[in-house]
Amino acid sequence: MNLKEKIDIDIFRLIGNVADSMHLETYVVGGYVRDLIMQRPSTDIDVVTIGSGIELAKAVAEVIPHKTKVSVFKNFGTAMIHYALDNKEWQVEFVGARKESYRRNSRKPIVENGTLEDDQNRRDFTINAMAISLNGASFGDLIDPFDGLFDIRRHIIRTPLDADITFSDDPLRMMRCIRFATQLDFSIMPETFDAIVRNRDRINIISQERITEEINKILLSKKPSIGWKLLDRCGLLHIVFPELVALKGVESVGERSHKDNFLHTMEVLDNVSQGSNDLYLRWTALLHDIAKPICKRFDSKTGFSFHGHEIKGARMVERIFRRMKLPMTERLRYVQKLISLHLRPIALVEDEVTDSAVRRLLFEAGDDIEDLMLLCHSDITSKNMMKKSQYIKNLQLVKQKMLEIEEKDRIRNFKVPISGEEIMQMYNLEPCKTVGILKDKIKDSILDGIIPNDRQAALELLKKEAEKLELKLKK
């Protein structure tokens, strides 16, 4: 690969020319170099200079054709600019080369000015420790002291220096190691993996926000189960997500047993990931059976069961989201709703797909019905192909029924045609239980197909029900 040709674009020539005018050694480093070699798209550029990264950033911003703001982060000695070119928005971060040392109880380093060698020594992995010169005389030269290029070709992840020191100094690197292995489908070198095992308890000094950021990136990978299985193997899963560990294992009583719910969850997660890039649908897949361990029961006639795990699981989500520092917003409610409903579509066809049951499912799922159906389809992981085929066929019946009812009755996200305020005004009522009873009667009658979903039919039903309660219309 000719790296000089690959980086021979305006942004790098511009930075290199400015650096030459300031007599600064300057390099593009880290993830951008890795992705360039792997031919992965990237617009986030890290630039290291032997000097002041902030001053270099300001000088580069001065010569960019259009006005560009420089964001300066003095505490970190970094600066950032944005550069629009060829319908791409480049984000370029500048920093001076540095060397770092760490205290035992913190991942925040003591920073000193350093050389390019010092800067490469402090990098987390060999594949992130490569640099490409931007200066005119050496433009495009690769500086690769730890054979990161060779490791990319071998598809392996290892640390530049002693792995125990690398992970003890900054324990977040253990999560990053597993995240890169997942994203890139690389193998972790045995000595590097063993160092994660030895240092796993150090993860406790890392903030939950940073851990969750890595978890989200694992979840958004093409095959996220790789990362979760690695977290389990090294012991980090026991610390960062003990509820998932509780899913592991198979219990047997006589000839009866249940499947390993952790492995099942991994399969469901991968299935969902093939059909959707939505982070919170992937969270839903990860958590959909989270309550099975506490709901597990054994009956000598029927074997193992997990009755109610969808309801208890939905309740557990709030506590997990709060601990993980995930948004306690509509994202939380979305995950809770899908978990609470994830058994409903299959259950609909155990007897008969009734219009009433489908209407209620459409009403409760609302605009998230397609996500729910993808989750349900992904949840079919039986190794019995006849049973699997029947489940899929049943889901298709439900989908077809949904299309028919939605077209006919417009139930999805429908609102009761008469509001509680109208009922109170019509019958001169204060807010009370009676208003709720009347409104629910209208809603249930529409969902059960007793009356059509229109205002006139709702008014006629309201009048009949109000008479039963001896209510009189306001004159």
Protein backbone atom coordinates (compact mmCIF):
# COMPACT_ATOMS: atom_id res chain seq x y z
CA MET A 1 0.00 0.00 0.00
CA ASN A 2 1.36 3.42 -0.97
CA LEU A 3 0.55 5.53 2.09
CA LYS A 4 1.90 8.70 0.47
CA GLU A 5 -0.79 8.46 -2.20
CA LYS A 6 -3.46 7.65 0.38
CA ILE A 7 -2.82 10.76 2.45
CA ASP A 8 -2.01 13.06 -0.47
CA ILE A 9 -5.16 15.12 0.05
CA ASP A 10 -5.66 18.81 0.80
CA ILE A 11 -6.11 18.56 4.57
CA PHE A 12 -2.83 16.67 5.13
CA ARG A 13 -0.84 18.80 2.67
CA LEU A 14 -2.18 21.92 4.34
CA ILE A 15 -1.22 20.72 7.85
CA GLY A 16 2.20 19.59 6.61
CA ASN A 17 2.95 22.93 4.93
CA VAL A 18 2.00 24.89 8.05
CA ALA A 19 4.08 22.56 10.23
CA ASP A 20 7.11 23.02 7.92
CA SER A 21 6.74 26.81 8.13
CA MET A 22 6.80 26.51 11.93
CA HIS A 23 9.67 23.97 11.88
CA LEU A 24 7.57 21.41 13.73
CA GLU A 25 7.81 17.64 13.26
CA THR A 26 4.20 16.61 12.69
CA TYR A 27 2.47 13.27 12.22
CA VAL A 28 -1.00 11.80 11.77
CA VAL A 29 -1.29 9.01 14.34
CA GLY A 30 -3.50 6.40 15.96
CA GLY A 31 -6.88 5.23 14.75
CA TYR A 32 -6.88 7.15 11.49
CA VAL A 33 -3.64 5.45 10.42
CA ARG A 34 -5.02 2.05 11.40
CA ASP A 35 -8.26 2.63 9.50
CA LEU A 36 -6.41 3.99 6.47
CA ILE A 37 -4.33 0.81 6.25
CA MET A 38 -7.43 -1.35 6.77
CA GLN A 39 -9.37 0.72 4.20
CA ARG A 40 -12.04 1.59 6.75
CA PRO A 41 -13.75 4.98 6.34
CA SER A 42 -12.78 7.58 8.92
CA THR A 43 -12.95 11.37 9.16
CA ASP A 44 -11.51 11.71 12.69
CA ILE A 45 -7.84 12.67 12.50
CA ASP A 46 -5.35 12.81 15.39
CA VAL A 47 -2.28 14.93 14.74
CA VAL A 48 0.80 14.86 16.99
CA THR A 49 3.50 17.50 16.77
CA ILE A 50 6.79 17.86 18.58
CA GLY A 51 5.83 21.16 20.14
CA SER A 52 2.55 22.94 20.84
CA GLY A 53 -0.46 21.25 19.30
CA ILE A 54 -2.61 24.26 20.23
CA GLU A 55 -0.36 26.72 18.36
CA LEU A 56 -0.24 24.43 15.32
CA ALA A 57 -4.04 24.16 15.29
CA LYS A 58 -4.41 27.95 15.40
CA ALA A 59 -1.94 28.38 12.55
CA VAL A 60 -3.70 25.73 10.43
CA ALA A 61 -7.07 27.40 11.05
CA GLU A 62 -5.65 30.70 9.75
CA VAL A 63 -4.88 29.27 6.30
CA ILE A 64 -8.02 27.18 5.82
CA PRO A 65 -9.99 28.84 2.97
CA HIS A 66 -13.11 29.43 5.04
CA LYS A 67 -13.30 30.72 8.59
CA THR A 68 -12.71 27.90 11.03
CA LYS A 69 -13.19 27.95 14.79
CA VAL A 70 -10.48 26.43 16.97
CA SER A 71 -11.75 24.65 20.07
CA VAL A 72 -8.98 24.73 22.68
CA PHE A 73 -8.81 22.38 25.67
CA LYS A 74 -5.98 23.84 27.73
CA ASN A 75 -6.26 21.29 30.54
CA PHE A 76 -5.47 18.54 28.05
CA GLY A 77 -3.11 20.54 25.87
CA THR A 78 -5.23 19.82 22.80
CA ALA A 79 -7.11 21.78 20.17
CA MET A 80 -9.67 20.77 17.56
CA ILE A 81 -10.79 22.15 14.21
CA HIS A 82 -13.38 21.08 11.64
CA TYR A 83 -12.59 21.13 7.94
CA ALA A 84 -15.20 20.63 5.21
CA LEU A 85 -13.94 19.12 1.97
CA ASP A 86 -15.53 17.04 -0.82
CA ASN A 87 -18.80 16.60 1.14
CA LYS A 88 -16.84 15.32 4.13
CA GLU A 89 -16.59 16.98 7.52
CA TRP A 90 -13.11 16.27 8.88
CA GLN A 91 -12.53 16.53 12.62
CA VAL A 92 -8.86 17.16 13.38
CA GLU A 93 -7.44 17.07 16.91
CA PHE A 94 -3.96 18.48 17.53
CA VAL A 95 -1.75 17.61 20.50
CA GLY A 96 1.88 17.97 21.39
CA ALA A 97 3.89 14.75 21.72
CA ARG A 98 4.00 13.68 25.35
CA LYS A 99 5.05 11.02 27.78
CA GLU A 100 2.88 9.88 30.65
CA SER A 101 3.22 8.35 34.10
CA TYR A 102 0.41 7.10 36.33
CA ARG A 103 -0.54 6.96 39.98
CA ARG A 104 -1.96 3.71 41.30
CA ASN A 105 -5.41 5.09 42.21
CA SER A 106 -6.12 7.07 39.03
CA ARG A 107 -6.17 6.60 35.26
CA LYS A 108 -5.37 10.31 34.80
CA PRO A 109 -1.71 10.52 33.81
CA ILE A 110 1.02 12.94 34.83
CA VAL A 111 1.91 14.46 31.45
CA GLU A 112 5.23 15.86 30.25
CA ASN A 113 6.41 17.06 26.87
CA GLY A 114 7.99 14.24 24.92
CA THR A 115 9.26 12.90 21.64
CA LEU A 116 7.40 10.94 18.98
CA GLU A 117 8.90 7.80 20.52
CA ASP A 118 7.49 8.76 23.94
CA ASP A 119 4.10 9.37 22.35
CA GLN A 120 4.06 6.02 20.57
CA ASN A 121 5.19 4.22 23.74
CA ARG A 122 2.11 5.50 25.61
CA ARG A 123 -0.37 4.17 23.02
CA ASP A 124 -2.71 1.35 24.00
CA PHE A 125 -2.16 -1.17 21.18
CA THR A 126 0.38 -1.69 18.42
CA ILE A 127 -2.26 -1.15 15.75
CA ASN A 128 -2.91 2.30 17.25
CA ALA A 129 0.78 3.21 17.70
CA MET A 130 1.67 3.91 14.06
CA ALA A 131 2.40 7.39 12.71
CA ILE A 132 2.68 8.88 9.23
CA SER A 133 4.84 11.95 8.67
CA LEU A 134 3.18 15.08 7.28
CA ASN A 135 6.37 17.11 6.81
CA GLY A 136 7.40 17.81 3.23
CA ALA A 137 10.72 15.95 3.12
CA SER A 138 9.31 12.76 4.67
CA PHE A 139 5.62 13.11 3.71
CA GLY A 140 3.89 9.71 3.80
CA ASP A 141 6.65 7.85 5.67
CA LEU A 142 5.30 5.27 8.14
CA ILE A 143 6.88 5.15 11.62
CA ASP A 144 5.91 1.77 13.07
CA PRO A 145 8.21 0.81 15.97
CA PHE A 146 6.00 -2.03 17.27
CA ASP A 147 5.10 -3.77 13.99
CA GLY A 148 1.50 -2.61 14.06
CA LEU A 149 1.28 -3.08 10.29
CA PHE A 150 2.26 -6.72 10.72
CA ASP A 151 -0.33 -7.13 13.51
CA ILE A 152 -3.05 -5.73 11.23
CA ARG A 153 -2.12 -8.32 8.62
CA ARG A 154 -2.21 -11.05 11.28
CA HIS A 155 -5.48 -9.70 12.73
CA ILE A 156 -4.15 -9.56 16.28
CA ILE A 157 -4.30 -7.11 19.17
CA ARG A 158 -1.40 -6.68 21.59
CA THR A 159 0.08 -3.86 23.64
CA PRO A 160 3.27 -2.02 22.60
CA LEU A 161 4.90 -2.45 26.02
CA ASP A 162 4.27 -4.69 29.04
CA ALA A 163 0.52 -5.47 29.03
CA ASP A 164 0.26 -5.54 32.84
CA ILE A 165 1.60 -2.00 33.02
CA THR A 166 -0.58 -0.85 30.10
CA PHE A 167 -3.79 -2.14 31.72
CA SER A 168 -2.90 -1.24 35.29
CA ASP A 169 -2.02 2.33 34.30
CA ASP A 170 -5.30 2.84 32.42
CA PRO A 171 -7.79 0.02 33.09
CA LEU A 172 -10.23 1.37 30.49
CA ARG A 173 -7.80 -0.07 27.93
CA MET A 174 -9.06 -3.54 28.89
CA MET A 175 -12.55 -2.60 27.69
CA ARG A 176 -11.05 -0.94 24.61
CA CYS A 177 -9.08 -4.10 23.85
CA ILE A 178 -12.23 -6.18 23.81
CA ARG A 179 -14.09 -3.50 21.87
CA PHE A 180 -11.43 -3.42 19.14
CA ALA A 181 -11.39 -7.22 18.97
CA THR A 182 -15.16 -7.10 18.44
CA GLN A 183 -15.24 -4.24 15.95
CA LEU A 184 -12.31 -5.49 13.86
CA ASP A 185 -12.86 -9.24 14.37
CA PHE A 186 -9.26 -9.53 15.59
CA SER A 187 -7.82 -12.02 18.08
CA ILE A 188 -6.29 -10.85 21.35
CA MET A 189 -2.77 -12.21 21.89
CA PRO A 190 -2.75 -14.73 24.77
CA GLU A 191 -0.28 -12.75 26.91
CA THR A 192 -2.39 -9.61 26.40
CA PHE A 193 -5.60 -11.44 27.30
CA ASP A 194 -3.97 -13.00 30.38
CA ALA A 195 -2.98 -9.51 31.54
CA ILE A 196 -6.65 -8.46 31.34
CA VAL A 197 -7.53 -11.42 33.57
CA ARG A 198 -4.87 -10.41 36.08
CA ASN A 199 -5.83 -6.73 36.12
CA ARG A 200 -9.61 -6.97 35.76
CA ASP A 201 -10.35 -5.65 39.27
CA ARG A 202 -8.62 -2.39 38.30
CA ILE A 203 -11.71 -1.58 36.19
CA ASN A 204 -13.34 -0.41 39.42
CA ILE A 205 -11.43 2.91 39.27
CA ILE A 206 -13.02 3.76 35.90
CA SER A 207 -16.16 5.89 35.77
CA GLN A 208 -19.35 4.17 34.70
CA GLU A 209 -19.81 6.63 31.85
CA ARG A 210 -16.54 5.54 30.21
CA ILE A 211 -17.34 1.83 30.67
CA THR A 212 -20.82 2.30 29.19
CA GLU A 213 -19.34 4.15 26.22
CA GLU A 214 -17.25 1.06 25.42
CA ILE A 215 -20.23 -1.25 26.01
CA ASN A 216 -22.29 0.78 23.53
CA LYS A 217 -19.54 0.47 20.93
CA ILE A 218 -19.44 -3.29 21.47
CA LEU A 219 -23.22 -3.42 21.07
CA LEU A 220 -22.99 -1.46 17.80
CA SER A 221 -20.44 -3.86 16.32
CA LYS A 222 -21.33 -6.14 13.44
CA LYS A 223 -21.31 -9.21 15.72
CA PRO A 224 -21.56 -7.95 19.31
CA SER A 225 -21.60 -11.43 20.88
CA ILE A 226 -17.82 -11.60 20.30
CA GLY A 227 -17.28 -8.85 22.83
CA TRP A 228 -19.69 -10.16 25.45
CA LYS A 229 -18.15 -13.63 25.32
CA LEU A 230 -14.67 -12.13 25.71
CA LEU A 231 -15.86 -10.05 28.67
CA ASP A 232 -17.16 -13.25 30.22
CA ARG A 233 -13.97 -15.23 29.55
CA CYS A 234 -11.68 -12.64 31.13
CA GLY A 235 -13.92 -12.04 34.16
CA LEU A 236 -14.78 -8.41 33.44
CA LEU A 237 -18.43 -9.34 32.86
CA HIS A 238 -18.77 -10.35 36.52
CA ILE A 239 -17.79 -6.80 37.48
CA VAL A 240 -19.45 -4.62 34.83
CA PHE A 241 -22.64 -6.63 34.21
CA PRO A 242 -23.35 -9.34 36.82
CA GLU A 243 -26.98 -9.77 35.67
CA LEU A 244 -25.72 -11.29 32.41
CA VAL A 245 -23.49 -13.72 34.28
CA ALA A 246 -26.57 -14.98 36.12
CA LEU A 247 -28.00 -16.10 32.75
CA LYS A 248 -25.16 -18.58 32.24
CA GLY A 249 -25.39 -22.32 32.65
CA VAL A 250 -27.83 -25.16 32.23
CA GLU A 251 -29.69 -26.81 35.10
CA SER A 252 -30.96 -30.38 34.78
CA VAL A 253 -33.43 -32.38 36.84
CA GLY A 254 -33.58 -35.97 35.64
CA GLU A 255 -33.98 -35.85 31.89
CA ARG A 256 -35.35 -32.31 31.92
CA SER A 257 -33.16 -29.25 31.41
CA HIS A 258 -33.32 -25.73 30.00
CA LYS A 259 -31.10 -23.97 27.48
CA ASP A 260 -28.19 -21.73 28.45
CA ASN A 261 -29.90 -18.34 28.53
CA PHE A 262 -26.62 -16.42 28.15
CA LEU A 263 -25.76 -18.18 24.90
CA HIS A 264 -29.37 -17.78 23.75
CA THR A 265 -29.19 -14.05 24.49
CA MET A 266 -25.99 -13.76 22.47
CA GLU A 267 -27.66 -15.44 19.52
CA VAL A 268 -30.70 -13.17 19.75
CA LEU A 269 -28.44 -10.11 19.98
CA ASP A 270 -26.53 -11.11 16.84
CA ASN A 271 -29.80 -11.84 15.02
CA VAL A 272 -31.20 -8.39 15.89
CA SER A 273 -27.90 -6.77 14.88
CA GLN A 274 -28.23 -8.24 11.38
CA GLY A 275 -31.57 -6.48 10.99
CA SER A 276 -31.07 -3.17 12.80
CA ASN A 277 -28.34 -0.68 13.71
CA ASP A 278 -30.45 0.87 16.46
CA LEU A 279 -28.49 0.91 19.73
CA TYR A 280 -31.54 0.63 21.98
CA LEU A 281 -33.11 -2.23 20.06
CA ARG A 282 -29.79 -4.01 20.62
CA TRP A 283 -30.02 -3.14 24.32
CA THR A 284 -33.51 -4.66 24.26
CA ALA A 285 -32.16 -7.87 22.76
CA LEU A 286 -29.41 -8.00 25.38
CA LEU A 287 -31.90 -7.56 28.25
CA HIS A 288 -34.98 -9.36 26.93
CA ASP A 289 -34.48 -12.44 29.14
CA ILE A 290 -32.61 -10.73 31.98
CA ALA A 291 -35.18 -11.81 34.60
CA LYS A 292 -35.16 -15.50 33.72
CA PRO A 293 -32.82 -16.48 36.59
CA ILE A 294 -35.18 -15.03 39.21
CA CYS A 295 -38.29 -16.41 37.49
CA LYS A 296 -37.01 -19.96 36.97
CA ARG A 297 -39.27 -22.68 38.36
CA PHE A 298 -39.34 -26.46 38.01
CA ASP A 299 -42.42 -28.66 37.79
CA SER A 300 -42.12 -32.44 37.62
CA LYS A 301 -44.81 -32.58 34.91
CA THR A 302 -43.93 -29.60 32.72
CA GLY A 303 -40.22 -29.14 33.44
CA PHE A 304 -38.55 -25.72 33.71
CA SER A 305 -40.51 -22.51 33.19
CA PHE A 306 -39.80 -18.78 33.40
CA HIS A 307 -43.32 -17.41 33.77
CA GLY A 308 -43.52 -13.63 34.10
CA HIS A 309 -39.90 -12.98 33.14
CA GLU A 310 -40.97 -10.44 30.54
CA ILE A 311 -42.76 -8.31 33.17
CA LYS A 312 -40.05 -8.58 35.82
CA GLY A 313 -37.41 -8.02 33.15
CA ALA A 314 -39.07 -4.76 32.08
CA ARG A 315 -39.00 -3.64 35.72
CA MET A 316 -35.31 -4.49 36.08
CA VAL A 317 -34.36 -2.29 33.14
CA GLU A 318 -34.74 0.99 35.04
CA ARG A 319 -32.24 -0.09 37.70
CA ILE A 320 -29.79 -1.30 35.06
CA PHE A 321 -30.12 1.90 32.99
CA ARG A 322 -29.60 4.03 36.10
CA ARG A 323 -26.44 2.14 37.07
CA MET A 324 -25.11 2.20 33.52
CA LYS A 325 -25.74 5.96 33.26
CA LEU A 326 -27.95 5.38 30.22
CA PRO A 327 -30.67 7.92 29.38
CA MET A 328 -33.67 7.75 31.70
CA THR A 329 -35.91 9.03 28.93
CA GLU A 330 -38.13 7.62 26.19
CA ARG A 331 -35.20 5.28 25.37
CA LEU A 332 -35.73 3.56 28.71
CA ARG A 333 -39.49 3.33 28.14
CA TYR A 334 -38.92 1.94 24.63
CA VAL A 335 -36.73 -0.90 25.98
CA GLN A 336 -39.16 -1.62 28.81
CA LYS A 337 -42.13 -1.76 26.43
CA LEU A 338 -40.51 -4.14 23.96
CA ILE A 339 -39.30 -6.47 26.72
CA SER A 340 -42.75 -6.58 28.31
CA LEU A 341 -44.33 -7.40 24.91
CA HIS A 342 -41.72 -9.75 23.42
CA LEU A 343 -43.68 -12.95 24.12
CA ARG A 344 -47.02 -11.65 22.85
CA PRO A 345 -46.76 -12.21 19.06
CA ILE A 346 -45.86 -15.90 19.39
CA ALA A 347 -48.45 -16.38 22.15
CA LEU A 348 -51.14 -15.00 19.81
CA VAL A 349 -51.03 -18.05 17.57
CA GLU A 350 -50.99 -20.76 20.21
CA ASP A 351 -54.80 -20.90 19.98
CA GLU A 352 -56.06 -18.54 17.30
CA VAL A 353 -55.01 -15.15 15.94
CA THR A 354 -58.05 -13.14 17.01
CA ASP A 355 -58.73 -9.64 15.72
CA SER A 356 -59.11 -8.39 19.29
CA ALA A 357 -55.68 -9.67 20.41
CA VAL A 358 -53.98 -8.21 17.35
CA ARG A 359 -55.68 -4.85 17.86
CA ARG A 360 -54.42 -4.74 21.45
CA LEU A 361 -50.88 -5.62 20.38
CA LEU A 362 -50.91 -2.91 17.71
CA PHE A 363 -52.27 -0.41 20.23
CA GLU A 364 -49.67 -1.22 22.90
CA ALA A 365 -46.67 -1.45 20.55
CA GLY A 366 -47.60 1.62 18.51
CA ASP A 367 -44.89 2.77 16.10
CA ASP A 368 -42.44 0.26 17.60
CA ILE A 369 -44.34 -2.75 16.25
CA GLU A 370 -41.76 -3.45 13.50
CA ASP A 371 -38.95 -3.44 16.07
CA LEU A 372 -40.98 -5.79 18.27
CA MET A 373 -41.53 -8.20 15.40
CA LEU A 374 -37.81 -8.16 14.54
CA LEU A 375 -37.01 -8.95 18.17
CA CYS A 376 -39.55 -11.80 18.19
CA HIS A 377 -38.17 -13.25 14.95
CA SER A 378 -34.61 -12.97 16.35
CA ASP A 379 -35.75 -14.74 19.52
CA ILE A 380 -36.47 -17.93 17.56
CA THR A 381 -33.23 -19.84 18.14
CA SER A 382 -34.46 -23.42 18.46
CA LYS A 383 -32.12 -26.05 17.05
CA ASN A 384 -35.21 -28.15 16.21
CA MET A 385 -35.74 -27.05 12.60
CA MET A 386 -39.36 -28.23 12.47
CA LYS A 387 -40.21 -26.23 15.58
CA LYS A 388 -38.27 -23.21 14.31
CA SER A 389 -40.06 -23.35 10.96
CA GLN A 390 -43.44 -23.48 12.70
CA TYR A 391 -42.62 -20.48 14.91
CA ILE A 392 -41.58 -18.45 11.87
CA LYS A 393 -44.75 -19.47 10.05
CA ASN A 394 -46.81 -18.41 13.07
CA LEU A 395 -45.14 -15.00 13.13
CA GLN A 396 -45.96 -14.54 9.47
CA LEU A 397 -49.62 -15.21 10.26
CA VAL A 398 -49.54 -12.52 12.94
CA LYS A 399 -47.83 -10.04 10.59
CA GLN A 400 -50.45 -10.66 7.90
CA LYS A 401 -53.26 -10.20 10.41
CA MET A 402 -51.67 -6.95 11.58
CA LEU A 403 -51.59 -5.57 8.06
CA GLU A 404 -55.25 -6.40 7.53
CA ILE A 405 -56.42 -4.90 10.82
CA GLU A 406 -54.24 -1.80 10.56
CA GLU A 407 -55.63 -1.08 7.10
CA LYS A 408 -59.20 -1.64 8.26
CA ASP A 409 -59.26 -0.22 11.79
CA ARG A 410 -56.32 2.25 12.03
CA ILE A 411 -55.53 1.05 15.53
CA ARG A 412 -51.81 1.79 15.78
CA ASN A 413 -51.30 4.70 18.22
CA PHE A 414 -55.01 5.45 18.15
CA LYS A 415 -56.52 7.74 20.78
CA VAL A 416 -59.92 7.21 22.33
CA PRO A 417 -62.27 9.38 20.20
CA ILE A 418 -63.70 11.03 23.32
CA SER A 419 -61.37 12.50 25.93
CA GLY A 420 -61.83 12.41 29.69
CA GLU A 421 -62.26 16.19 29.71
CA GLU A 422 -65.17 15.88 27.25
CA ILE A 423 -66.83 13.20 29.38
CA MET A 424 -66.56 15.41 32.47
CA GLN A 425 -68.02 18.38 30.59
CA MET A 426 -70.85 16.37 29.02
CA TYR A 427 -71.97 14.85 32.34
CA ASN A 428 -70.93 17.65 34.70
CA LEU A 429 -68.38 15.46 36.50
CA GLU A 430 -65.28 16.26 38.53
CA PRO A 431 -62.16 14.11 37.94
CA CYS A 432 -63.11 10.70 39.33
CA LYS A 433 -62.97 6.95 38.81
CA THR A 434 -66.21 7.01 36.79
CA VAL A 435 -64.54 9.07 34.02
CA GLY A 436 -61.80 6.45 33.69
CA ILE A 437 -64.31 3.61 33.62
CA LEU A 438 -66.26 5.23 30.76
CA LYS A 439 -63.14 6.05 28.77
CA ASP A 440 -61.74 2.52 29.20
CA LYS A 441 -65.09 1.06 28.12
CA ILE A 442 -64.87 2.98 24.84
CA LYS A 443 -61.23 1.98 24.31
CA ASP A 444 -61.86 -1.71 25.06
CA SER A 445 -64.92 -1.81 22.84
CA ILE A 446 -62.90 -0.47 19.91
CA LEU A 447 -60.02 -2.89 20.54
CA ASP A 448 -62.42 -5.81 20.87
CA GLY A 449 -64.19 -4.87 17.64
CA ILE A 450 -67.52 -4.20 19.34
CA ILE A 451 -67.69 -0.72 17.82
CA PRO A 452 -65.70 0.85 14.95
CA ASN A 453 -62.90 3.31 15.63
CA ASP A 454 -64.90 6.51 15.04
CA ARG A 455 -66.35 9.30 17.14
CA GLN A 456 -70.04 8.78 16.41
CA ALA A 457 -69.95 5.14 17.47
CA ALA A 458 -68.02 6.13 20.61
CA LEU A 459 -70.63 8.78 21.48
CA GLU A 460 -73.49 6.28 21.14
CA LEU A 461 -71.68 3.78 23.38
CA LEU A 462 -70.89 6.50 25.93
CA LYS A 463 -74.55 7.45 26.14
CA LYS A 464 -75.60 3.84 26.83
CA GLU A 465 -72.92 3.29 29.47
CA ALA A 466 -73.68 6.61 31.16
CA GLU A 467 -77.35 5.68 31.41
CA LYS A 468 -76.40 2.43 33.15
CA LEU A 469 -74.59 4.52 35.74
CA GLU A 470 -77.60 6.86 35.98
CA LEU A 471 -75.62 9.83 34.72
CA LYS A 472 -77.45 12.69 33.03
CA LEU A 473 -76.20 14.88 30.21
CA LYS A 474 -75.40 18.46 31.17
CA LYS A 475 -78.12 20.83 29.94
